[in-house]
Amino acid sequence: MTFLSRRAVLLLVSTGVCLLLADVAISLFLIEDGMYDGKPLPPFGAITHVPRQEHFLASIEKPADERSTIGGFDRHLGWTYFPNAANLSGDAHTNSLASRGQREYSALPDEGITRILAFGDSFVWCEEVSDEKAWGHIFEARLKKAEVINFGVGGYGTGQAFLRYKQVGRELGADVVVIGLLLENIGRNVNRYRPRWSLTSSLTRSKPRFRLRGEELELVAQPYETEAELLSAVRDGSVLEDLAEHEYWLGPDVITGRVSSLMRLAMGWVAYRDRQPRRLWIDSTSEPYRVSLAILSEFHRLAMADGAKLAPVLIFPTYEDLQELLEHDDRYWKDMVAELESLGIPVLDLSTPLLARHRQLSAAGRPRALFAGYHLSAEGNSIVAHALENFIQAQGAR
């Protein structure tokens, strides 16, 4: 063996030893309960984030009379809010329709009243603010001859919102049906078990999803008849097998195993990269994009067929989206907006009015003023209400 070959072997051995030591050190000191820096790493089991999801499971495993919750399991929707209920803090309520707030609404609107139904996720529901600070309540207070019946549900994908419209909204005489779309929803729309898409979510729930068969939407139902069945499947891990068919977010579990911490970190980086909404919105050939477009199109078509004068898509940005727009005016969802508008579907992109105020607040040293935690604050919701009012008037739907 020559000097150079001996040196190469020594280099390879020393590199291998360093990698092995690094792998062991990462395992011992940086990875805890399958997480690095608070983020779950592959392989992703039924429980990805132990502290959050165990807390959620413990809360719903209590006897029904010991729970204090505004919603829970639903056979057809995955989960929903219950009628005449309140959250733990007592500042968010549902009425007899299980819509937001304590105001009651008649079966059909009175003469001269513009009735608006809103469907979507927690940005429609207005999580983290009280009833009177939700944009629907603000809208009603501004326009006395308007009703906003808010059927948003935290954690919903667009498909669930569409199913809820079909379940509760078709006979309510809506003039306007608002289809709320948080930009992150694109990943939820092809997801069946919530922790597979949102790896840090506490919501260990299953959900239905739509898939495309040719150009037609086909519903894939969630399989559990009762919450007890779902809980049992989560606890024994069989929920992953039960929902594997048509679950888009299966992840790279097979190739990572638990052999190498370095490999788990690498595959974790891949998993979080793949879940970035930007990547999904800019790929118009992807299943998340095509399914989302199909759901929005069918939702709009049905609402208009049911008698609505207007059924706009309201696009909600997150704080991170607004921060990025401060630096680069690059709306990665612009192709979807253009495609929806080409189909005759009106779009109100709330990033425009929210960004204008966010820029002012950031310059004044209050960059988070439009948000109450992750969701919009009272001021943010006021901007939504005002923008929607102007949009409806411009569209001639009042």
Protein backbone atom coordinates (compact mmCIF):
# COMPACT_ATOMS: atom_id res chain seq x y z
CA MET A 1 0.00 0.00 0.00
CA THR A 2 1.43 3.34 -1.04
CA PHE A 3 1.69 6.38 1.23
CA LEU A 4 -1.17 8.11 -0.67
CA SER A 5 -3.46 5.09 -0.43
CA ARG A 6 -2.72 4.72 3.28
CA ARG A 7 -3.50 8.41 3.74
CA ALA A 8 -6.80 8.03 1.86
CA VAL A 9 -7.81 5.08 4.02
CA LEU A 10 -6.88 6.99 7.17
CA LEU A 11 -8.92 9.96 5.98
CA LEU A 12 -11.94 7.77 5.28
CA VAL A 13 -11.70 6.05 8.65
CA SER A 14 -11.28 9.31 10.55
CA THR A 15 -14.22 10.85 8.64
CA GLY A 16 -16.36 7.83 9.46
CA VAL A 17 -15.41 8.04 13.13
CA CYS A 18 -16.24 11.76 13.22
CA LEU A 19 -19.62 11.14 11.59
CA LEU A 20 -20.34 8.32 14.02
CA LEU A 21 -19.42 10.49 17.00
CA ALA A 22 -21.53 13.35 15.63
CA ASP A 23 -24.43 10.95 15.13
CA VAL A 24 -24.15 9.67 18.70
CA ALA A 25 -23.84 13.21 20.10
CA ILE A 26 -26.94 14.34 18.20
CA SER A 27 -28.86 11.33 19.49
CA LEU A 28 -27.80 11.93 23.09
CA PHE A 29 -27.94 15.71 23.34
CA LEU A 30 -30.02 17.24 20.54
CA ILE A 31 -32.88 14.82 19.81
CA GLU A 32 -35.45 14.39 22.57
CA ASP A 33 -38.73 12.48 22.23
CA GLY A 34 -38.14 12.24 18.49
CA MET A 35 -37.81 16.02 18.12
CA TYR A 36 -35.05 18.46 17.26
CA ASP A 37 -35.49 22.11 18.23
CA GLY A 38 -39.15 21.45 18.99
CA LYS A 39 -39.83 19.88 15.60
CA PRO A 40 -40.67 16.18 15.08
CA LEU A 41 -38.25 14.12 13.00
CA PRO A 42 -38.89 11.08 10.79
CA PRO A 43 -40.03 8.39 11.05
CA PHE A 44 -43.41 10.01 11.76
CA GLY A 45 -45.73 7.82 13.76
CA ALA A 46 -49.35 8.36 14.75
CA ILE A 47 -48.13 10.72 17.45
CA THR A 48 -45.56 13.11 16.00
CA HIS A 49 -45.39 15.76 18.74
CA VAL A 50 -45.61 13.92 22.06
CA PRO A 51 -46.33 16.79 24.50
CA ARG A 52 -49.00 18.56 22.44
CA GLN A 53 -50.76 15.51 21.12
CA GLU A 54 -50.73 13.62 24.40
CA HIS A 55 -52.32 16.65 26.06
CA PHE A 56 -55.03 16.74 23.39
CA LEU A 57 -55.68 13.00 23.61
CA ALA A 58 -55.90 13.16 27.40
CA SER A 59 -58.44 15.98 27.16
CA ILE A 60 -60.79 14.05 24.88
CA GLU A 61 -60.38 10.75 26.72
CA LYS A 62 -62.18 12.25 29.72
CA PRO A 63 -65.84 11.30 30.23
CA ALA A 64 -68.17 13.52 28.22
CA ASP A 65 -69.53 15.28 31.31
CA GLU A 66 -65.98 16.25 32.38
CA ARG A 67 -65.01 17.91 29.12
CA SER A 68 -65.27 21.60 28.47
CA THR A 69 -65.11 22.13 24.74
CA ILE A 70 -66.83 24.00 21.95
CA GLY A 71 -66.56 21.15 19.47
CA GLY A 72 -65.43 17.62 18.80
CA PHE A 73 -65.62 14.51 16.61
CA ASP A 74 -67.95 14.41 13.63
CA ARG A 75 -68.51 11.29 11.55
CA HIS A 76 -68.73 13.13 8.23
CA LEU A 77 -66.61 16.25 8.70
CA GLY A 78 -63.87 14.85 10.95
CA TRP A 79 -64.65 17.42 13.64
CA THR A 80 -66.99 20.35 14.03
CA TYR A 81 -68.36 22.90 16.50
CA PHE A 82 -71.42 22.10 18.58
CA PRO A 83 -74.56 24.27 18.87
CA ASN A 84 -74.96 26.57 21.87
CA ALA A 85 -71.44 25.97 23.18
CA ALA A 86 -68.51 28.03 24.45
CA ASN A 87 -64.74 27.65 24.54
CA LEU A 88 -62.75 27.21 27.75
CA SER A 89 -62.14 30.92 28.24
CA GLY A 90 -65.79 31.80 27.62
CA ASP A 91 -65.09 34.48 25.01
CA ALA A 92 -66.06 32.47 21.92
CA HIS A 93 -69.55 31.02 21.51
CA THR A 94 -71.78 29.24 19.05
CA ASN A 95 -75.49 29.76 18.55
CA SER A 96 -78.20 27.20 17.74
CA LEU A 97 -76.83 26.91 14.17
CA ALA A 98 -73.35 26.16 15.58
CA SER A 99 -72.09 29.35 13.91
CA ARG A 100 -69.92 31.98 15.62
CA GLY A 101 -71.43 34.19 18.32
CA GLN A 102 -74.61 34.28 20.35
CA ARG A 103 -76.83 36.10 17.88
CA GLU A 104 -79.63 33.94 16.51
CA TYR A 105 -80.69 34.02 12.86
CA SER A 106 -84.00 33.22 11.20
CA ALA A 107 -84.31 30.40 8.69
CA LEU A 108 -84.33 32.99 5.87
CA PRO A 109 -83.25 36.64 5.92
CA ASP A 110 -85.83 39.39 6.29
CA GLU A 111 -86.61 41.70 3.37
CA GLY A 112 -83.82 44.19 2.74
CA ILE A 113 -81.21 42.19 4.67
CA THR A 114 -78.03 41.04 2.94
CA ARG A 115 -77.17 37.60 4.29
CA ILE A 116 -73.55 36.48 4.13
CA LEU A 117 -72.47 32.93 4.97
CA ALA A 118 -68.77 32.36 5.67
CA PHE A 119 -66.95 29.01 5.51
CA GLY A 120 -63.34 28.12 6.10
CA ASP A 121 -60.83 27.54 8.86
CA SER A 122 -59.76 29.39 12.02
CA PHE A 123 -59.09 32.65 10.12
CA VAL A 124 -62.76 32.68 9.15
CA TRP A 125 -63.82 31.61 12.65
CA CYS A 126 -61.43 34.25 14.09
CA GLU A 127 -59.49 32.20 16.61
CA GLU A 128 -57.74 34.00 19.48
CA VAL A 129 -60.22 36.88 19.66
CA SER A 130 -63.61 37.23 21.37
CA ASP A 131 -66.93 37.18 19.55
CA GLU A 132 -67.24 40.95 19.22
CA LYS A 133 -63.75 41.22 17.69
CA ALA A 134 -64.44 38.70 14.92
CA TRP A 135 -64.70 40.23 11.45
CA GLY A 136 -68.27 38.97 10.97
CA HIS A 137 -69.45 40.78 14.10
CA ILE A 138 -67.57 43.93 13.04
CA PHE A 139 -69.20 43.75 9.60
CA GLU A 140 -72.69 43.45 11.13
CA ALA A 141 -72.03 46.38 13.45
CA ARG A 142 -70.93 48.56 10.53
CA LEU A 143 -73.84 47.59 8.26
CA LYS A 144 -77.08 47.21 10.20
CA LYS A 145 -78.85 45.62 7.22
CA ALA A 146 -76.37 42.76 6.92
CA GLU A 147 -76.04 39.38 8.57
CA VAL A 148 -72.82 37.40 8.69
CA ILE A 149 -73.33 33.77 9.70
CA ASN A 150 -69.84 32.47 10.41
CA PHE A 151 -69.45 28.71 9.91
CA GLY A 152 -65.65 28.68 10.10
CA VAL A 153 -64.05 25.80 12.05
CA GLY A 154 -60.49 25.73 13.36
CA GLY A 155 -58.20 23.37 11.46
CA TYR A 156 -60.49 22.91 8.46
CA GLY A 157 -59.31 22.34 4.94
CA THR A 158 -61.25 23.76 1.99
CA GLY A 159 -62.86 20.39 1.37
CA GLN A 160 -64.26 20.26 4.91
CA ALA A 161 -65.55 23.82 4.53
CA PHE A 162 -67.29 22.77 1.30
CA LEU A 163 -68.85 19.75 3.01
CA ARG A 164 -70.06 21.94 5.86
CA TYR A 165 -71.67 24.30 3.38
CA LYS A 166 -73.53 21.36 1.83
CA GLN A 167 -74.55 20.21 5.30
CA VAL A 168 -75.80 23.47 6.82
CA GLY A 169 -75.65 26.33 4.32
CA ARG A 170 -77.70 25.53 1.24
CA GLU A 171 -81.13 26.38 2.65
CA LEU A 172 -80.27 29.61 4.49
CA GLY A 173 -81.00 32.02 1.65
CA ALA A 174 -77.49 33.44 1.27
CA ASP A 175 -76.87 36.49 -0.88
CA VAL A 176 -73.12 36.02 -0.50
CA VAL A 177 -71.19 32.84 0.30
CA VAL A 178 -67.64 33.57 1.43
CA ILE A 179 -65.08 30.82 0.78
CA GLY A 180 -62.18 31.46 3.14
CA LEU A 181 -58.75 30.25 2.08
CA LEU A 182 -55.71 30.47 4.33
CA LEU A 183 -52.71 29.93 2.06
CA GLU A 184 -51.58 27.01 4.22
CA ASN A 185 -54.84 25.17 3.42
CA ILE A 186 -53.41 23.80 0.18
CA GLY A 187 -51.62 21.10 2.16
CA ARG A 188 -54.65 20.28 4.30
CA ASN A 189 -56.73 19.66 1.21
CA VAL A 190 -54.88 16.43 0.39
CA ASN A 191 -54.44 15.32 3.99
CA ARG A 192 -56.40 12.64 5.89
CA TYR A 193 -54.68 12.50 9.30
CA ARG A 194 -53.90 15.96 10.59
CA PRO A 195 -50.43 15.29 12.15
CA ARG A 196 -49.14 14.00 8.81
CA TRP A 197 -49.49 17.48 7.30
CA SER A 198 -49.01 19.67 10.35
CA LEU A 199 -46.37 17.73 12.24
CA THR A 200 -46.55 19.91 15.36
CA SER A 201 -50.35 20.14 15.52
CA SER A 202 -52.08 18.93 18.68
CA LEU A 203 -55.11 17.91 16.61
CA THR A 204 -54.89 14.12 16.34
CA ARG A 205 -57.99 13.92 14.16
CA SER A 206 -58.83 12.17 10.91
CA LYS A 207 -60.62 14.00 8.12
CA PRO A 208 -62.28 13.41 4.77
CA ARG A 209 -60.62 14.70 1.65
CA PHE A 210 -61.48 15.09 -2.01
CA ARG A 211 -59.42 13.56 -4.76
CA LEU A 212 -59.62 13.93 -8.51
CA ARG A 213 -60.82 11.07 -10.67
CA GLY A 214 -60.19 12.49 -14.10
CA GLU A 215 -61.71 15.98 -13.87
CA GLU A 216 -64.32 15.02 -11.28
CA LEU A 217 -64.05 15.40 -7.51
CA GLU A 218 -64.53 12.23 -5.52
CA LEU A 219 -64.95 12.23 -1.75
CA VAL A 220 -62.73 9.97 0.34
CA ALA A 221 -64.55 9.65 3.67
CA GLN A 222 -62.82 9.25 7.01
CA PRO A 223 -63.49 5.66 8.14
CA TYR A 224 -64.32 5.99 11.83
CA GLU A 225 -67.92 5.86 13.01
CA THR A 226 -67.13 7.06 16.54
CA GLU A 227 -64.51 9.06 18.39
CA ALA A 228 -63.68 5.96 20.44
CA GLU A 229 -62.69 4.09 17.26
CA LEU A 230 -60.44 6.95 16.19
CA LEU A 231 -58.80 7.22 19.61
CA SER A 232 -58.10 3.50 19.67
CA ALA A 233 -56.51 3.68 16.21
CA VAL A 234 -54.32 6.61 17.25
CA ARG A 235 -53.19 4.86 20.42
CA ASP A 236 -52.23 1.60 18.69
CA GLY A 237 -50.86 3.36 15.59
CA SER A 238 -53.24 1.68 13.15
CA VAL A 239 -54.62 5.11 12.15
CA LEU A 240 -51.72 5.45 9.71
CA GLU A 241 -52.58 2.22 7.90
CA ASP A 242 -56.30 2.98 8.01
CA LEU A 243 -55.76 6.33 6.29
CA ALA A 244 -52.76 5.52 4.12
CA GLU A 245 -54.79 5.28 0.91
CA HIS A 246 -55.00 8.77 -0.63
CA GLU A 247 -52.94 10.31 2.20
CA TYR A 248 -50.61 12.68 0.34
CA TRP A 249 -48.31 13.29 3.30
CA LEU A 250 -47.00 9.79 4.01
CA GLY A 251 -43.42 11.07 4.21
CA PRO A 252 -40.00 9.40 3.81
CA ASP A 253 -40.35 6.99 6.75
CA VAL A 254 -39.22 3.82 5.00
CA ILE A 255 -35.79 5.06 4.02
CA THR A 256 -34.89 6.74 7.30
CA GLY A 257 -35.77 4.29 10.03
CA ARG A 258 -34.11 5.09 13.35
CA VAL A 259 -30.60 4.06 12.34
CA SER A 260 -28.96 7.43 11.89
CA SER A 261 -29.70 10.73 13.62
CA LEU A 262 -27.94 12.57 10.82
CA MET A 263 -30.21 10.86 8.32
CA ARG A 264 -33.25 11.76 10.44
CA LEU A 265 -32.19 15.40 10.42
CA ALA A 266 -31.69 15.32 6.66
CA MET A 267 -35.04 13.67 6.02
CA GLY A 268 -36.67 16.05 8.50
CA TRP A 269 -35.36 18.96 6.45
CA VAL A 270 -36.87 17.37 3.34
CA ALA A 271 -40.21 16.85 5.09
CA TYR A 272 -40.49 20.47 6.25
CA ARG A 273 -39.30 21.79 2.89
CA ASP A 274 -41.97 19.77 1.08
CA ARG A 275 -44.66 21.19 3.39
CA GLN A 276 -43.94 24.81 2.56
CA PRO A 277 -47.12 26.31 1.02
CA ARG A 278 -45.01 28.31 -1.44
CA ARG A 279 -43.72 25.12 -3.07
CA LEU A 280 -47.25 23.78 -3.43
CA TRP A 281 -48.81 26.96 -4.86
CA ILE A 282 -46.15 27.51 -7.52
CA ASP A 283 -46.47 23.96 -8.88
CA SER A 284 -49.73 24.07 -10.82
CA THR A 285 -49.33 20.43 -11.87
CA SER A 286 -49.21 19.09 -8.29
CA GLU A 287 -52.07 17.20 -6.68
CA PRO A 288 -52.47 19.77 -3.85
CA TYR A 289 -52.84 22.60 -6.40
CA ARG A 290 -55.21 20.74 -8.73
CA VAL A 291 -57.42 19.42 -5.92
CA SER A 292 -57.60 22.83 -4.26
CA LEU A 293 -58.58 24.50 -7.54
CA ALA A 294 -61.24 21.86 -8.18
CA ILE A 295 -62.75 22.26 -4.69
CA LEU A 296 -62.85 26.06 -4.96
CA SER A 297 -64.44 25.83 -8.41
CA GLU A 298 -67.13 23.37 -7.34
CA PHE A 299 -67.82 25.27 -4.12
CA HIS A 300 -68.37 28.46 -6.11
CA ARG A 301 -70.52 26.71 -8.71
CA LEU A 302 -72.82 25.14 -6.11
CA ALA A 303 -73.20 28.33 -4.06
CA MET A 304 -74.23 30.26 -7.16
CA ALA A 305 -76.59 27.48 -8.25
CA ASP A 306 -78.20 27.67 -4.79
CA GLY A 307 -79.08 31.33 -5.40
CA ALA A 308 -76.13 33.35 -4.10
CA LYS A 309 -75.39 36.57 -5.97
CA LEU A 310 -71.72 36.34 -5.13
CA ALA A 311 -69.38 33.58 -3.90
CA PRO A 312 -65.89 35.04 -3.57
CA VAL A 313 -62.72 33.34 -2.42
CA LEU A 314 -61.14 35.31 0.45
CA ILE A 315 -57.40 34.72 0.66
CA PHE A 316 -55.97 35.10 4.17
CA PRO A 317 -52.20 35.61 4.60
CA THR A 318 -50.24 34.78 7.74
CA TYR A 319 -47.88 37.13 9.55
CA GLU A 320 -44.96 35.41 7.80
CA ASP A 321 -46.58 36.03 4.40
CA LEU A 322 -46.91 39.75 5.15
CA GLN A 323 -43.33 39.92 6.40
CA GLU A 324 -42.09 38.38 3.16
CA LEU A 325 -44.19 40.83 1.13
CA LEU A 326 -42.50 43.71 2.94
CA GLU A 327 -39.22 42.58 1.42
CA HIS A 328 -40.37 41.19 -1.94
CA ASP A 329 -43.74 41.82 -3.56
CA ASP A 330 -43.95 38.20 -4.66
CA ARG A 331 -47.38 36.67 -4.17
CA TYR A 332 -46.61 33.01 -4.74
CA TRP A 333 -50.35 32.32 -5.02
CA LYS A 334 -50.84 34.71 -7.95
CA ASP A 335 -51.19 31.94 -10.53
CA MET A 336 -54.08 30.45 -8.57
CA VAL A 337 -55.74 33.87 -8.34
CA ALA A 338 -55.40 34.33 -12.09
CA GLU A 339 -56.79 30.87 -12.78
CA LEU A 340 -59.77 31.38 -10.48
CA GLU A 341 -60.56 34.74 -12.05
CA SER A 342 -60.29 33.23 -15.54
CA LEU A 343 -63.03 30.81 -14.45
CA GLY A 344 -65.25 33.68 -13.37
CA ILE A 345 -64.62 33.16 -9.65
CA PRO A 346 -64.11 36.47 -7.82
CA VAL A 347 -61.14 36.69 -5.46
CA LEU A 348 -60.52 39.10 -2.61
CA ASP A 349 -56.82 38.86 -1.76
CA LEU A 350 -56.68 40.22 1.78
CA SER A 351 -52.90 40.46 1.64
CA THR A 352 -53.31 43.79 -0.17
CA PRO A 353 -55.24 45.77 2.49
CA LEU A 354 -53.52 43.96 5.35
CA LEU A 355 -50.06 44.64 3.90
CA ALA A 356 -50.76 48.37 3.59
CA ARG A 357 -51.52 48.61 7.31
CA HIS A 358 -48.79 46.10 8.24
CA ARG A 359 -46.22 48.33 6.53
CA GLN A 360 -47.36 51.33 8.58
CA LEU A 361 -47.34 49.38 11.83
CA SER A 362 -43.92 47.88 11.14
CA ALA A 363 -42.48 51.34 10.51
CA ALA A 364 -43.97 52.42 13.85
CA GLY A 365 -42.33 49.49 15.66
CA ARG A 366 -45.55 47.43 16.05
CA PRO A 367 -45.15 44.71 13.41
CA ARG A 368 -47.39 42.17 15.15
CA ALA A 369 -50.32 44.51 15.84
CA LEU A 370 -52.51 42.89 13.16
CA PHE A 371 -52.17 39.49 14.83
CA ALA A 372 -53.33 38.06 18.14
CA GLY A 373 -50.84 35.22 18.27
CA TYR A 374 -51.07 33.27 15.01
CA HIS A 375 -54.46 34.69 13.96
CA LEU A 376 -55.72 38.16 13.13
CA SER A 377 -56.28 40.62 15.96
CA ALA A 378 -59.30 42.91 16.35
CA GLU A 379 -57.58 45.47 14.10
CA GLY A 380 -56.75 42.82 11.51
CA ASN A 381 -60.33 41.59 11.53
CA SER A 382 -61.60 45.16 11.16
CA ILE A 383 -59.54 45.48 7.97
CA VAL A 384 -61.08 42.22 6.69
CA ALA A 385 -64.60 43.49 7.42
CA HIS A 386 -63.97 46.81 5.66
CA ALA A 387 -62.32 45.15 2.64
CA LEU A 388 -65.19 42.68 2.29
CA GLU A 389 -67.77 45.48 2.54
CA ASN A 390 -66.06 47.42 -0.26
CA PHE A 391 -65.70 44.26 -2.36
CA ILE A 392 -69.37 43.30 -2.06
CA GLN A 393 -70.47 46.82 -2.94
CA ALA A 394 -68.15 46.88 -5.95
CA GLN A 395 -69.54 43.54 -7.12
CA GLY A 396 -73.12 44.82 -6.78
CA ALA A 397 -74.22 42.05 -4.42
CA ARG A 398 -76.01 44.33 -1.91
